[in-house]
N, C-alpha and C. Protein backbone atom coordinates (compact mmCIF):
# COMPACT_ATOMS: atom_id res chain seq x y z
N UNK A 1 8.48 20.87 34.37
CA UNK A 1 8.51 19.68 33.56
C UNK A 1 7.29 19.62 32.63
N UNK A 2 6.11 20.03 33.17
CA UNK A 2 4.91 20.04 32.34
C UNK A 2 5.04 21.03 31.20
N UNK A 3 5.63 22.17 31.51
CA UNK A 3 5.79 23.20 30.47
C UNK A 3 6.71 22.74 29.36
N UNK A 4 7.77 22.02 29.71
CA UNK A 4 8.72 21.50 28.72
C UNK A 4 8.04 20.44 27.85
N UNK A 5 7.26 19.57 28.46
CA UNK A 5 6.57 18.53 27.69
C UNK A 5 5.55 19.16 26.74
N UNK A 6 4.83 20.15 27.22
CA UNK A 6 3.83 20.83 26.38
C UNK A 6 4.52 21.55 25.22
N UNK A 7 5.65 22.22 25.50
CA UNK A 7 6.38 22.91 24.46
C UNK A 7 6.92 21.94 23.42
N UNK A 8 7.41 20.79 23.85
CA UNK A 8 7.90 19.78 22.90
C UNK A 8 6.78 19.24 22.03
N UNK A 9 5.62 18.97 22.61
CA UNK A 9 4.50 18.48 21.82
C UNK A 9 4.03 19.51 20.79
N UNK A 10 3.98 20.77 21.19
CA UNK A 10 3.61 21.82 20.24
C UNK A 10 4.64 21.93 19.13
N UNK A 11 5.91 21.85 19.48
CA UNK A 11 6.99 21.91 18.48
C UNK A 11 6.89 20.75 17.48
N UNK A 12 6.67 19.54 17.97
CA UNK A 12 6.55 18.37 17.10
C UNK A 12 5.33 18.49 16.21
N UNK A 13 4.20 18.95 16.77
CA UNK A 13 3.01 19.11 15.94
C UNK A 13 3.23 20.15 14.85
N UNK A 14 3.91 21.24 15.19
CA UNK A 14 4.20 22.28 14.19
C UNK A 14 5.10 21.72 13.09
N UNK A 15 6.08 20.94 13.46
CA UNK A 15 6.99 20.35 12.45
C UNK A 15 6.19 19.43 11.52
N UNK A 16 5.31 18.59 12.05
CA UNK A 16 4.50 17.70 11.21
C UNK A 16 3.62 18.49 10.27
N UNK A 17 3.03 19.58 10.73
CA UNK A 17 2.16 20.39 9.88
C UNK A 17 2.97 20.97 8.73
N UNK A 18 4.13 21.53 9.01
CA UNK A 18 4.93 22.14 7.97
C UNK A 18 5.54 21.10 7.02
N UNK A 19 5.82 19.91 7.53
CA UNK A 19 6.31 18.83 6.65
C UNK A 19 5.24 18.38 5.69
N UNK A 20 3.98 18.40 6.11
CA UNK A 20 2.91 17.96 5.23
C UNK A 20 2.61 18.99 4.15
N UNK A 21 3.07 20.23 4.32
CA UNK A 21 2.85 21.27 3.31
C UNK A 21 4.01 21.37 2.33
N UNK A 22 4.82 20.35 2.29
CA UNK A 22 6.01 20.35 1.42
C UNK A 22 5.61 20.44 -0.05
N UNK A 23 6.31 21.22 -0.85
CA UNK A 23 5.98 21.33 -2.27
C UNK A 23 6.17 20.02 -3.04
N UNK A 24 6.97 19.10 -2.51
CA UNK A 24 7.15 17.82 -3.18
C UNK A 24 5.83 17.09 -3.26
N UNK A 25 5.01 17.22 -2.24
CA UNK A 25 3.70 16.57 -2.25
C UNK A 25 2.74 17.16 -3.24
N UNK A 26 3.01 18.37 -3.73
CA UNK A 26 2.11 19.03 -4.66
C UNK A 26 2.50 18.77 -6.10
N UNK A 27 3.60 18.09 -6.33
CA UNK A 27 4.08 17.86 -7.71
C UNK A 27 3.10 16.97 -8.47
N UNK A 28 2.90 17.29 -9.74
CA UNK A 28 1.97 16.50 -10.56
C UNK A 28 2.60 15.20 -11.01
N UNK A 29 3.82 15.23 -11.44
CA UNK A 29 4.50 14.06 -11.97
C UNK A 29 5.62 13.65 -11.04
N UNK A 30 5.66 12.37 -10.70
CA UNK A 30 6.77 11.88 -9.87
C UNK A 30 8.03 11.77 -10.71
N UNK A 31 7.90 11.19 -11.87
CA UNK A 31 9.03 10.96 -12.75
C UNK A 31 8.68 11.43 -14.15
N UNK A 32 9.65 11.95 -14.85
CA UNK A 32 9.42 12.32 -16.25
C UNK A 32 9.46 11.04 -17.08
N UNK A 33 8.85 11.07 -18.27
CA UNK A 33 8.78 9.89 -19.09
C UNK A 33 10.15 9.41 -19.54
N UNK A 34 11.09 10.32 -19.71
CA UNK A 34 12.41 9.93 -20.19
C UNK A 34 13.41 9.75 -19.03
N UNK A 35 12.92 9.75 -17.81
CA UNK A 35 13.78 9.58 -16.66
C UNK A 35 14.23 8.12 -16.55
N UNK A 36 15.52 7.84 -16.44
CA UNK A 36 15.98 6.43 -16.41
C UNK A 36 15.48 5.66 -15.19
N UNK A 37 15.14 6.34 -14.10
CA UNK A 37 14.67 5.63 -12.92
C UNK A 37 13.32 4.98 -13.18
N UNK A 38 12.55 5.49 -14.15
CA UNK A 38 11.26 4.92 -14.48
C UNK A 38 11.39 3.48 -14.91
N UNK A 39 12.41 3.15 -15.67
CA UNK A 39 12.59 1.77 -16.13
C UNK A 39 12.96 0.86 -14.95
N UNK A 40 13.68 1.39 -13.98
CA UNK A 40 14.03 0.59 -12.82
C UNK A 40 12.79 0.27 -11.99
N UNK A 41 11.90 1.27 -11.83
CA UNK A 41 10.66 1.00 -11.08
C UNK A 41 9.78 0.03 -11.84
N UNK A 42 9.81 0.06 -13.17
CA UNK A 42 9.06 -0.90 -13.96
C UNK A 42 9.57 -2.31 -13.69
N UNK A 43 10.87 -2.48 -13.60
CA UNK A 43 11.44 -3.78 -13.34
C UNK A 43 11.11 -4.24 -11.91
N UNK A 44 11.11 -3.32 -10.95
CA UNK A 44 10.72 -3.67 -9.59
C UNK A 44 9.26 -4.11 -9.55
N UNK A 45 8.42 -3.42 -10.31
CA UNK A 45 7.01 -3.81 -10.37
C UNK A 45 6.88 -5.21 -10.95
N UNK A 46 7.60 -5.50 -12.02
CA UNK A 46 7.46 -6.78 -12.70
C UNK A 46 8.05 -7.95 -11.91
N UNK A 47 9.23 -7.75 -11.32
CA UNK A 47 9.93 -8.85 -10.70
C UNK A 47 9.79 -8.94 -9.18
N UNK A 48 9.25 -7.90 -8.54
CA UNK A 48 9.13 -7.93 -7.08
C UNK A 48 7.66 -7.80 -6.66
N UNK A 49 7.01 -6.70 -7.08
CA UNK A 49 5.68 -6.40 -6.58
C UNK A 49 4.63 -7.40 -7.05
N UNK A 50 4.65 -7.72 -8.31
CA UNK A 50 3.63 -8.66 -8.81
C UNK A 50 3.79 -10.07 -8.27
N UNK A 51 5.02 -10.61 -8.21
CA UNK A 51 5.16 -11.93 -7.57
C UNK A 51 4.78 -11.93 -6.09
N UNK A 52 5.06 -10.80 -5.38
CA UNK A 52 4.62 -10.72 -3.98
C UNK A 52 3.09 -10.70 -3.89
N UNK A 53 2.41 -10.11 -4.86
CA UNK A 53 0.96 -10.13 -4.89
C UNK A 53 0.42 -11.53 -5.09
N UNK A 54 1.09 -12.31 -5.94
CA UNK A 54 0.67 -13.70 -6.16
C UNK A 54 0.88 -14.51 -4.87
N UNK A 55 2.04 -14.33 -4.23
CA UNK A 55 2.31 -15.03 -2.98
C UNK A 55 1.29 -14.61 -1.92
N UNK A 56 0.95 -13.33 -1.89
CA UNK A 56 -0.06 -12.85 -0.96
C UNK A 56 -1.41 -13.47 -1.22
N UNK A 57 -1.76 -13.66 -2.47
CA UNK A 57 -3.04 -14.29 -2.81
C UNK A 57 -3.08 -15.75 -2.39
N UNK A 58 -1.98 -16.45 -2.60
CA UNK A 58 -1.91 -17.87 -2.21
C UNK A 58 -1.96 -18.00 -0.68
N UNK A 59 -1.17 -17.18 0.01
CA UNK A 59 -1.23 -17.20 1.48
C UNK A 59 -2.60 -16.74 1.99
N UNK A 60 -3.18 -15.78 1.28
CA UNK A 60 -4.52 -15.31 1.66
C UNK A 60 -5.57 -16.38 1.51
N UNK A 61 -5.39 -17.27 0.54
CA UNK A 61 -6.32 -18.39 0.39
C UNK A 61 -6.24 -19.29 1.62
N UNK A 62 -5.04 -19.51 2.11
CA UNK A 62 -4.89 -20.30 3.35
C UNK A 62 -5.53 -19.62 4.54
N UNK A 63 -5.36 -18.31 4.63
CA UNK A 63 -5.98 -17.55 5.72
C UNK A 63 -7.49 -17.60 5.60
N UNK A 64 -8.01 -17.55 4.37
CA UNK A 64 -9.45 -17.65 4.15
C UNK A 64 -9.98 -18.99 4.66
N UNK A 65 -9.29 -20.06 4.32
CA UNK A 65 -9.73 -21.39 4.75
C UNK A 65 -9.68 -21.48 6.28
N UNK A 66 -8.63 -20.95 6.89
CA UNK A 66 -8.53 -20.99 8.35
C UNK A 66 -9.57 -20.12 9.03
N UNK A 67 -10.01 -19.05 8.37
CA UNK A 67 -10.97 -18.15 8.99
C UNK A 67 -12.42 -18.52 8.72
N UNK A 68 -12.66 -19.54 7.92
CA UNK A 68 -14.03 -19.92 7.58
C UNK A 68 -14.88 -20.26 8.83
N UNK A 69 -14.35 -20.97 9.81
CA UNK A 69 -15.20 -21.24 10.99
C UNK A 69 -15.66 -19.97 11.72
N UNK A 70 -14.93 -18.91 11.56
CA UNK A 70 -15.28 -17.65 12.23
C UNK A 70 -16.11 -16.72 11.34
N UNK A 71 -15.87 -16.81 10.02
CA UNK A 71 -16.55 -15.87 9.12
C UNK A 71 -17.87 -16.39 8.58
N UNK A 72 -18.07 -17.70 8.56
CA UNK A 72 -19.35 -18.23 8.06
C UNK A 72 -20.48 -17.84 9.02
N UNK A 73 -20.35 -18.00 10.33
CA UNK A 73 -21.48 -17.60 11.21
C UNK A 73 -21.80 -16.12 11.16
N UNK A 74 -20.80 -15.30 10.92
CA UNK A 74 -21.04 -13.85 10.90
C UNK A 74 -21.44 -13.35 9.51
N UNK A 75 -21.34 -14.20 8.49
CA UNK A 75 -21.70 -13.80 7.14
C UNK A 75 -20.67 -12.93 6.45
N UNK A 76 -19.41 -13.04 6.88
CA UNK A 76 -18.37 -12.20 6.32
C UNK A 76 -17.44 -12.91 5.36
N UNK A 77 -17.85 -14.04 4.80
CA UNK A 77 -16.99 -14.80 3.90
C UNK A 77 -16.62 -13.98 2.67
N UNK A 78 -17.58 -13.24 2.13
CA UNK A 78 -17.30 -12.43 0.92
C UNK A 78 -16.28 -11.34 1.23
N UNK A 79 -16.40 -10.70 2.38
CA UNK A 79 -15.44 -9.65 2.75
C UNK A 79 -14.05 -10.22 2.96
N UNK A 80 -13.98 -11.37 3.63
CA UNK A 80 -12.69 -12.00 3.87
C UNK A 80 -12.04 -12.46 2.57
N UNK A 81 -12.85 -13.04 1.67
CA UNK A 81 -12.33 -13.48 0.38
C UNK A 81 -11.87 -12.28 -0.45
N UNK A 82 -12.61 -11.21 -0.41
CA UNK A 82 -12.22 -10.01 -1.14
C UNK A 82 -10.89 -9.46 -0.65
N UNK A 83 -10.71 -9.42 0.68
CA UNK A 83 -9.52 -8.83 1.26
C UNK A 83 -8.29 -9.72 1.10
N UNK A 84 -8.44 -11.02 1.31
CA UNK A 84 -7.26 -11.89 1.34
C UNK A 84 -6.95 -12.58 0.01
N UNK A 85 -7.93 -12.73 -0.87
CA UNK A 85 -7.70 -13.46 -2.11
C UNK A 85 -7.83 -12.58 -3.34
N UNK A 86 -8.95 -11.90 -3.46
CA UNK A 86 -9.25 -11.14 -4.68
C UNK A 86 -8.32 -9.94 -4.85
N UNK A 87 -8.16 -9.14 -3.80
CA UNK A 87 -7.32 -7.93 -3.91
C UNK A 87 -5.87 -8.24 -4.28
N UNK A 88 -5.18 -9.24 -3.66
CA UNK A 88 -3.82 -9.51 -4.08
C UNK A 88 -3.71 -9.99 -5.54
N UNK A 89 -4.68 -10.81 -5.98
CA UNK A 89 -4.62 -11.26 -7.35
C UNK A 89 -4.97 -10.15 -8.34
N UNK A 90 -5.86 -9.24 -7.97
CA UNK A 90 -6.11 -8.07 -8.81
C UNK A 90 -4.87 -7.20 -8.89
N UNK A 91 -4.17 -7.04 -7.77
CA UNK A 91 -2.93 -6.28 -7.77
C UNK A 91 -1.93 -6.87 -8.74
N UNK A 92 -1.87 -8.19 -8.80
CA UNK A 92 -0.86 -8.83 -9.65
C UNK A 92 -1.26 -8.92 -11.11
N UNK A 93 -2.54 -9.16 -11.39
CA UNK A 93 -2.92 -9.49 -12.76
C UNK A 93 -3.77 -8.44 -13.48
N UNK A 94 -4.45 -7.55 -12.79
CA UNK A 94 -5.37 -6.63 -13.46
C UNK A 94 -4.84 -5.21 -13.59
N UNK A 95 -3.69 -4.92 -13.02
CA UNK A 95 -3.14 -3.57 -13.14
C UNK A 95 -2.48 -3.40 -14.50
N UNK A 96 -2.43 -2.15 -14.97
CA UNK A 96 -1.70 -1.85 -16.21
C UNK A 96 -0.22 -2.08 -16.01
N UNK A 97 0.44 -2.42 -17.07
CA UNK A 97 1.92 -2.53 -17.01
C UNK A 97 2.49 -1.62 -18.06
N UNK A 98 3.37 -0.74 -17.77
CA UNK A 98 3.88 -0.39 -16.47
C UNK A 98 2.86 0.49 -15.71
N UNK A 99 2.80 0.29 -14.43
CA UNK A 99 1.86 1.05 -13.58
C UNK A 99 2.55 2.31 -13.10
N UNK A 100 2.07 3.47 -13.55
CA UNK A 100 2.68 4.74 -13.18
C UNK A 100 2.35 5.17 -11.77
N UNK A 101 1.32 4.57 -11.17
CA UNK A 101 0.91 4.95 -9.82
C UNK A 101 1.61 4.16 -8.74
N UNK A 102 2.45 3.25 -9.13
CA UNK A 102 3.12 2.39 -8.16
C UNK A 102 4.12 3.19 -7.38
């Protein structure tokens, strides 16, 4: 039983190593500029991802307020505000449109 378990773990590890060496991961461009799917991802970015970032920023503001009793004594208010409020709003408002890295 031990030998079978060890063989399965080695097999799974080997599969993960070879999957990570896939040539798809080495490609420079995900989509060509004239590829029609690019426009669909642009619409997903505009109508789904950015509004979710705004919602995340608003909910993050609530989390920031709730975490103040714990973060003020430790001096981590700036870190909490950066993580829960600033990052989601930067994601929504400061990225280029269309964002090719999305």
